Protein backbone atom coordinates (compact mmCIF):
# COMPACT_ATOMS: atom_id res chain seq x y z
CA MET A 1 45.80 30.98 100.01
CA GLU A 2 47.21 27.47 101.10
CA LEU A 3 45.81 24.62 99.53
CA ASN A 4 45.27 21.39 101.05
CA ILE A 5 46.09 17.99 99.82
CA ASN A 6 42.53 17.49 98.39
CA ASP A 7 42.35 20.81 96.73
CA GLU A 8 45.72 20.00 94.89
CA ILE A 9 44.57 16.85 93.69
CA LYS A 10 41.46 18.51 92.39
CA LEU A 11 43.69 21.19 90.63
CA ARG A 12 46.15 17.88 89.09
CA ILE A 13 42.83 16.15 87.78
CA LEU A 14 41.75 18.91 86.12
CA LYS A 15 45.07 19.75 84.57
CA ASN A 16 45.17 16.34 83.23
CA LEU A 17 41.63 16.32 82.17
CA SER A 18 42.27 19.43 80.01
CA ASP A 19 44.13 17.80 77.09
CA GLY A 20 40.77 16.78 75.71
CA ARG A 21 40.98 12.95 76.37
CA ILE A 22 38.58 10.82 78.43
CA TYR A 23 40.45 8.97 81.51
CA SER A 24 39.00 6.49 83.73
CA PHE A 25 39.25 6.97 87.66
CA TYR A 26 42.38 4.19 87.03
CA MET A 27 44.13 6.22 84.64
CA LEU A 28 43.47 9.68 86.56
CA ALA A 29 44.95 8.11 89.73
CA LYS A 30 48.28 7.10 88.00
CA GLU A 31 48.60 10.39 86.51
CA VAL A 32 47.36 12.35 89.51
CA GLU A 33 49.79 9.62 91.86
CA ALA A 34 46.72 9.42 94.02
CA ASN A 35 44.72 6.33 95.29
CA ASN A 36 41.68 5.32 93.11
CA THR A 37 39.23 5.91 96.13
CA THR A 38 40.73 9.70 96.43
CA VAL A 39 40.40 10.60 92.72
CA LYS A 40 36.66 9.18 92.54
CA LYS A 41 35.82 11.17 95.46
CA ASN A 42 37.65 14.27 93.96
CA CYS A 43 35.91 13.75 90.58
CA ASN A 44 32.54 13.32 92.32
CA PHE A 45 32.95 17.17 93.73
CA LEU A 46 34.44 18.52 90.30
CA HIS A 47 31.00 16.40 88.67
CA GLU A 48 28.58 18.15 91.31
CA VAL A 49 30.33 21.96 90.66
CA GLY A 50 30.22 21.14 86.76
CA LEU A 51 33.81 20.89 85.75
CA ILE A 52 33.91 17.43 84.72
CA GLU A 53 31.71 15.18 83.15
CA ILE A 54 31.34 11.31 84.84
CA ASN A 55 29.67 8.57 82.34
CA LYS A 56 29.15 5.27 83.60
CA VAL A 57 29.90 2.50 81.08
CA THR A 58 27.87 -0.62 82.18
CA ALA A 59 29.15 -4.13 81.95
CA GLU A 60 27.32 -4.91 78.96
CA GLU A 61 28.54 -2.19 76.99
CA SER A 62 32.36 -2.63 78.30
CA ALA A 63 34.75 -4.86 76.29
CA SER A 64 36.02 -6.46 79.42
CA GLY A 65 32.58 -6.92 80.83
CA MET A 66 33.49 -4.92 83.91
CA PRO A 67 31.71 -1.92 84.54
CA SER A 68 33.75 1.41 84.41
CA TYR A 69 33.50 5.27 84.37
CA ARG A 70 34.45 7.61 81.57
CA VAL A 71 35.91 11.16 82.73
CA LYS A 72 36.09 14.22 80.68
CA ILE A 73 36.48 17.78 81.51
CA THR A 74 33.58 20.47 80.69
CA PRO A 75 33.97 23.66 78.86
CA GLU A 76 33.55 25.48 82.58
CA GLY A 77 36.29 23.23 83.82
CA LEU A 78 38.65 24.41 80.63
CA LYS A 79 37.76 27.95 81.75
CA ALA A 80 38.79 27.10 84.82
CA VAL A 81 41.85 25.60 84.18
CA LYS A 82 42.73 28.79 81.75
CA TYR A 83 42.03 31.22 84.58
CA ALA A 84 43.78 29.27 87.61
CA ARG A 85 46.84 28.99 84.76
CA LEU A 86 47.59 25.35 85.99
């Protein structure tokens, strides 16, 4: 089966998140070597299918005063990573 570039990015996102840390879209973009918009779109898909969680941090809650997002893998996402042997 041939994967397209977005499939590969989704797999790289899951692999990075499988370390259990919480990432921002910006940090994930650096890790998977893709732009922020591409990572956000792929993360939104992974969120919709239940493989990751995305939590918004409001400007009031943020130390920088800027809203941001926290992304982490779900137990289902960890199973997917293990099954895919990433």
